[in-house]
């Protein structure tokens, strides 16, 4: 086998290894998709909880294939949007951010949510896994009846 074939197989091998590494979950993001996680997560939380724009928040900041781990919210980004629109669409619903932090690619926002005036509501700690400037997974803990 001559040098052109050897070089071609070498290049194919290098490209194949790069594709395999990326498919295996490499943390490398395509050029232009790296966003400061704290900035992204703050903007997401503000749009969702303060402006009560669930559809805009998730369509802007969550990947189309986002995985939802809260059973009441379904399993997808679309089912999450539907549930949040029900809650944010209630006239008396209020959501107050208590803390917000991002560490090792996971955004955590703790907030108080109240759906109806005069009811105690709940304290929620929501976790969002971030990758390449998008939320790819979400889960939360609820403390119902919290004031």
C-alpha atoms as a PDB file:
ATOM      1  CA  UNK A   1       0.000   0.000   0.000  1.00  0.00           C
ATOM      2  CA  UNK A   2       1.443   3.378  -1.016  1.00  0.00           C
ATOM      3  CA  UNK A   3       1.743   6.482   1.110  1.00  0.00           C
ATOM      4  CA  UNK A   4      -1.439   8.143  -0.285  1.00  0.00           C
ATOM      5  CA  UNK A   5      -3.579   5.252   0.977  1.00  0.00           C
ATOM      6  CA  UNK A   6      -1.801   5.191   4.324  1.00  0.00           C
ATOM      7  CA  UNK A   7      -2.355   8.934   4.710  1.00  0.00           C
ATOM      8  CA  UNK A   8      -6.015   8.608   3.725  1.00  0.00           C
ATOM      9  CA  UNK A   9      -6.641   5.845   6.302  1.00  0.00           C
ATOM     10  CA  UNK A  10      -4.818   7.897   8.932  1.00  0.00           C
ATOM     11  CA  UNK A  11      -7.032  10.938   8.243  1.00  0.00           C
ATOM     12  CA  UNK A  12     -10.194   8.789   8.241  1.00  0.00           C
ATOM     13  CA  UNK A  13      -9.106   7.235  11.539  1.00  0.00           C
ATOM     14  CA  UNK A  14      -8.491  10.630  13.137  1.00  0.00           C
ATOM     15  CA  UNK A  15     -11.823  12.006  11.929  1.00  0.00           C
ATOM     16  CA  UNK A  16     -13.639   8.860  13.052  1.00  0.00           C
ATOM     17  CA  UNK A  17     -12.089   9.074  16.510  1.00  0.00           C
ATOM     18  CA  UNK A  18     -13.152  12.723  16.774  1.00  0.00           C
ATOM     19  CA  UNK A  19     -16.737  11.914  15.796  1.00  0.00           C
ATOM     20  CA  UNK A  20     -16.839   8.999  18.234  1.00  0.00           C
ATOM     21  CA  UNK A  21     -15.507  11.179  21.079  1.00  0.00           C
ATOM     22  CA  UNK A  22     -18.142  13.836  20.373  1.00  0.00           C
ATOM     23  CA  UNK A  23     -20.934  11.235  20.191  1.00  0.00           C
ATOM     24  CA  UNK A  24     -19.765   9.722  23.477  1.00  0.00           C
ATOM     25  CA  UNK A  25     -20.711  12.918  25.291  1.00  0.00           C
ATOM     26  CA  UNK A  26     -17.725  15.148  24.925  1.00  0.00           C
ATOM     27  CA  UNK A  27     -18.109  18.414  26.799  1.00  0.00           C
ATOM     28  CA  UNK A  28     -16.955  20.294  23.710  1.00  0.00           C
ATOM     29  CA  UNK A  29     -19.614  22.631  22.366  1.00  0.00           C
ATOM     30  CA  UNK A  30     -19.798  23.653  18.715  1.00  0.00           C
ATOM     31  CA  UNK A  31     -18.258  27.055  18.031  1.00  0.00           C
ATOM     32  CA  UNK A  32     -20.523  29.915  19.046  1.00  0.00           C
ATOM     33  CA  UNK A  33     -22.638  27.820  21.449  1.00  0.00           C
ATOM     34  CA  UNK A  34     -20.659  28.437  24.618  1.00  0.00           C
ATOM     35  CA  UNK A  35     -22.636  30.767  26.879  1.00  0.00           C
ATOM     36  CA  UNK A  36     -21.756  31.810  30.417  1.00  0.00           C
ATOM     37  CA  UNK A  37     -23.948  29.404  32.464  1.00  0.00           C
ATOM     38  CA  UNK A  38     -24.715  31.869  35.267  1.00  0.00           C
ATOM     39  CA  UNK A  39     -25.904  34.510  32.782  1.00  0.00           C
ATOM     40  CA  UNK A  40     -28.019  31.992  30.877  1.00  0.00           C
ATOM     41  CA  UNK A  41     -29.597  30.573  34.013  1.00  0.00           C
ATOM     42  CA  UNK A  42     -30.385  33.994  35.501  1.00  0.00           C
ATOM     43  CA  UNK A  43     -32.102  35.036  32.255  1.00  0.00           C
ATOM     44  CA  UNK A  44     -34.064  31.756  32.176  1.00  0.00           C
ATOM     45  CA  UNK A  45     -35.244  32.096  35.796  1.00  0.00           C
ATOM     46  CA  UNK A  46     -36.257  35.732  35.287  1.00  0.00           C
ATOM     47  CA  UNK A  47     -38.232  34.951  32.139  1.00  0.00           C
ATOM     48  CA  UNK A  48     -39.958  31.935  33.707  1.00  0.00           C
ATOM     49  CA  UNK A  49     -40.594  33.097  37.271  1.00  0.00           C
ATOM     50  CA  UNK A  50     -40.636  36.900  37.193  1.00  0.00           C
ATOM     51  CA  UNK A  51     -42.087  37.602  33.732  1.00  0.00           C
ATOM     52  CA  UNK A  52     -44.138  34.363  33.838  1.00  0.00           C
ATOM     53  CA  UNK A  53     -43.316  33.561  30.192  1.00  0.00           C
ATOM     54  CA  UNK A  54     -42.980  29.772  30.316  1.00  0.00           C
ATOM     55  CA  UNK A  55     -43.062  29.166  26.571  1.00  0.00           C
ATOM     56  CA  UNK A  56     -40.506  31.856  25.837  1.00  0.00           C
ATOM     57  CA  UNK A  57     -38.214  30.690  28.657  1.00  0.00           C
ATOM     58  CA  UNK A  58     -38.166  27.046  27.634  1.00  0.00           C
ATOM     59  CA  UNK A  59     -38.092  27.624  23.876  1.00  0.00           C
ATOM     60  CA  UNK A  60     -35.174  30.031  24.301  1.00  0.00           C
ATOM     61  CA  UNK A  61     -33.137  28.311  26.997  1.00  0.00           C
ATOM     62  CA  UNK A  62     -34.000  24.584  26.863  1.00  0.00           C
ATOM     63  CA  UNK A  63     -32.909  22.079  24.235  1.00  0.00           C
ATOM     64  CA  UNK A  64     -35.725  20.595  22.148  1.00  0.00           C
ATOM     65  CA  UNK A  65     -34.810  17.181  23.580  1.00  0.00           C
ATOM     66  CA  UNK A  66     -34.750  18.356  27.217  1.00  0.00           C
ATOM     67  CA  UNK A  67     -35.525  15.573  29.691  1.00  0.00           C
ATOM     68  CA  UNK A  68     -37.966  16.419  32.482  1.00  0.00           C
ATOM     69  CA  UNK A  69     -37.611  14.344  35.681  1.00  0.00           C
ATOM     70  CA  UNK A  70     -40.663  15.761  37.546  1.00  0.00           C
ATOM     71  CA  UNK A  71     -43.574  13.373  36.891  1.00  0.00           C
ATOM     72  CA  UNK A  72     -46.292  16.076  37.147  1.00  0.00           C
ATOM     73  CA  UNK A  73     -44.541  17.933  34.302  1.00  0.00           C
ATOM     74  CA  UNK A  74     -44.394  14.980  31.932  1.00  0.00           C
ATOM     75  CA  UNK A  75     -41.060  13.958  30.449  1.00  0.00           C
ATOM     76  CA  UNK A  76     -40.352  16.530  27.724  1.00  0.00           C
ATOM     77  CA  UNK A  77     -39.781  20.220  27.137  1.00  0.00           C
ATOM     78  CA  UNK A  78     -43.224  20.520  25.510  1.00  0.00           C
ATOM     79  CA  UNK A  79     -45.041  18.871  28.438  1.00  0.00           C
ATOM     80  CA  UNK A  80     -43.093  21.118  30.816  1.00  0.00           C
ATOM     81  CA  UNK A  81     -44.218  24.208  28.912  1.00  0.00           C
ATOM     82  CA  UNK A  82     -47.866  23.099  29.091  1.00  0.00           C
ATOM     83  CA  UNK A  83     -47.700  22.602  32.877  1.00  0.00           C
ATOM     84  CA  UNK A  84     -45.865  25.880  33.498  1.00  0.00           C
ATOM     85  CA  UNK A  85     -48.340  27.776  31.295  1.00  0.00           C
ATOM     86  CA  UNK A  86     -51.187  26.471  33.469  1.00  0.00           C
ATOM     87  CA  UNK A  87     -49.435  27.721  36.614  1.00  0.00           C
ATOM     88  CA  UNK A  88     -48.135  31.049  35.312  1.00  0.00           C
ATOM     89  CA  UNK A  89     -51.471  31.717  33.612  1.00  0.00           C
ATOM     90  CA  UNK A  90     -53.391  31.731  36.874  1.00  0.00           C
ATOM     91  CA  UNK A  91     -54.217  35.386  37.657  1.00  0.00           C
ATOM     92  CA  UNK A  92     -52.964  35.298  41.270  1.00  0.00           C
ATOM     93  CA  UNK A  93     -49.897  33.081  40.730  1.00  0.00           C
ATOM     94  CA  UNK A  94     -46.652  34.486  42.082  1.00  0.00           C
ATOM     95  CA  UNK A  95     -43.110  33.162  42.067  1.00  0.00           C
ATOM     96  CA  UNK A  96     -40.384  34.775  44.161  1.00  0.00           C
ATOM     97  CA  UNK A  97     -36.765  33.807  43.595  1.00  0.00           C
ATOM     98  CA  UNK A  98     -34.933  33.242  46.883  1.00  0.00           C
ATOM     99  CA  UNK A  99     -31.536  31.990  45.648  1.00  0.00           C
ATOM    100  CA  UNK A 100     -29.928  31.178  42.334  1.00  0.00           C
ATOM    101  CA  UNK A 101     -26.559  29.547  41.646  1.00  0.00           C
ATOM    102  CA  UNK A 102     -24.721  27.594  38.964  1.00  0.00           C
ATOM    103  CA  UNK A 103     -22.085  25.015  39.843  1.00  0.00           C
ATOM    104  CA  UNK A 104     -20.451  22.368  37.626  1.00  0.00           C
ATOM    105  CA  UNK A 105     -22.977  22.840  34.838  1.00  0.00           C
ATOM    106  CA  UNK A 106     -26.089  22.627  37.032  1.00  0.00           C
ATOM    107  CA  UNK A 107     -28.237  25.671  37.729  1.00  0.00           C
ATOM    108  CA  UNK A 108     -30.208  25.645  40.969  1.00  0.00           C
ATOM    109  CA  UNK A 109     -32.975  28.107  41.705  1.00  0.00           C
ATOM    110  CA  UNK A 110     -34.880  28.058  44.980  1.00  0.00           C
ATOM    111  CA  UNK A 111     -38.140  29.938  44.853  1.00  0.00           C
ATOM    112  CA  UNK A 112     -41.463  30.334  46.596  1.00  0.00           C
ATOM    113  CA  UNK A 113     -44.464  29.640  44.410  1.00  0.00           C
ATOM    114  CA  UNK A 114     -48.038  30.560  45.167  1.00  0.00           C
ATOM    115  CA  UNK A 115     -50.865  29.742  42.745  1.00  0.00           C
ATOM    116  CA  UNK A 116     -53.766  31.390  44.593  1.00  0.00           C
ATOM    117  CA  UNK A 117     -53.860  34.416  46.894  1.00  0.00           C
ATOM    118  CA  UNK A 118     -54.292  33.480  50.544  1.00  0.00           C
ATOM    119  CA  UNK A 119     -52.869  29.971  50.101  1.00  0.00           C
ATOM    120  CA  UNK A 120     -49.463  29.103  51.551  1.00  0.00           C
ATOM    121  CA  UNK A 121     -47.895  27.830  48.331  1.00  0.00           C
ATOM    122  CA  UNK A 122     -44.645  25.857  48.200  1.00  0.00           C
ATOM    123  CA  UNK A 123     -40.885  26.246  48.268  1.00  0.00           C
ATOM    124  CA  UNK A 124     -39.336  24.668  45.195  1.00  0.00           C
ATOM    125  CA  UNK A 125     -35.707  23.894  44.490  1.00  0.00           C
ATOM    126  CA  UNK A 126     -35.342  23.398  40.756  1.00  0.00           C
ATOM    127  CA  UNK A 127     -32.199  21.904  39.195  1.00  0.00           C
ATOM    128  CA  UNK A 128     -31.353  22.383  35.522  1.00  0.00           C
ATOM    129  CA  UNK A 129     -28.423  20.633  33.844  1.00  0.00           C
ATOM    130  CA  UNK A 130     -26.850  22.970  31.277  1.00  0.00           C
ATOM    131  CA  UNK A 131     -24.901  21.998  28.178  1.00  0.00           C
ATOM    132  CA  UNK A 132     -23.762  24.184  25.295  1.00  0.00           C
ATOM    133  CA  UNK A 133     -25.959  27.095  26.335  1.00  0.00           C
ATOM    134  CA  UNK A 134     -29.156  25.034  26.776  1.00  0.00           C
ATOM    135  CA  UNK A 135     -30.995  23.260  29.572  1.00  0.00           C
ATOM    136  CA  UNK A 136     -30.869  19.538  28.803  1.00  0.00           C
ATOM    137  CA  UNK A 137     -32.362  18.046  31.974  1.00  0.00           C
ATOM    138  CA  UNK A 138     -34.566  19.297  34.816  1.00  0.00           C
ATOM    139  CA  UNK A 139     -35.713  18.019  38.203  1.00  0.00           C
ATOM    140  CA  UNK A 140     -36.973  19.588  41.442  1.00  0.00           C
ATOM    141  CA  UNK A 141     -37.913  19.133  45.089  1.00  0.00           C
ATOM    142  CA  UNK A 142     -41.117  20.605  46.512  1.00  0.00           C
ATOM    143  CA  UNK A 143     -42.001  21.571  50.076  1.00  0.00           C
ATOM    144  CA  UNK A 144     -45.763  22.097  49.967  1.00  0.00           C
ATOM    145  CA  UNK A 145     -47.467  24.392  52.427  1.00  0.00           C
ATOM    146  CA  UNK A 146     -44.384  26.527  52.971  1.00  0.00           C
ATOM    147  CA  UNK A 147     -44.925  30.205  53.690  1.00  0.00           C
END
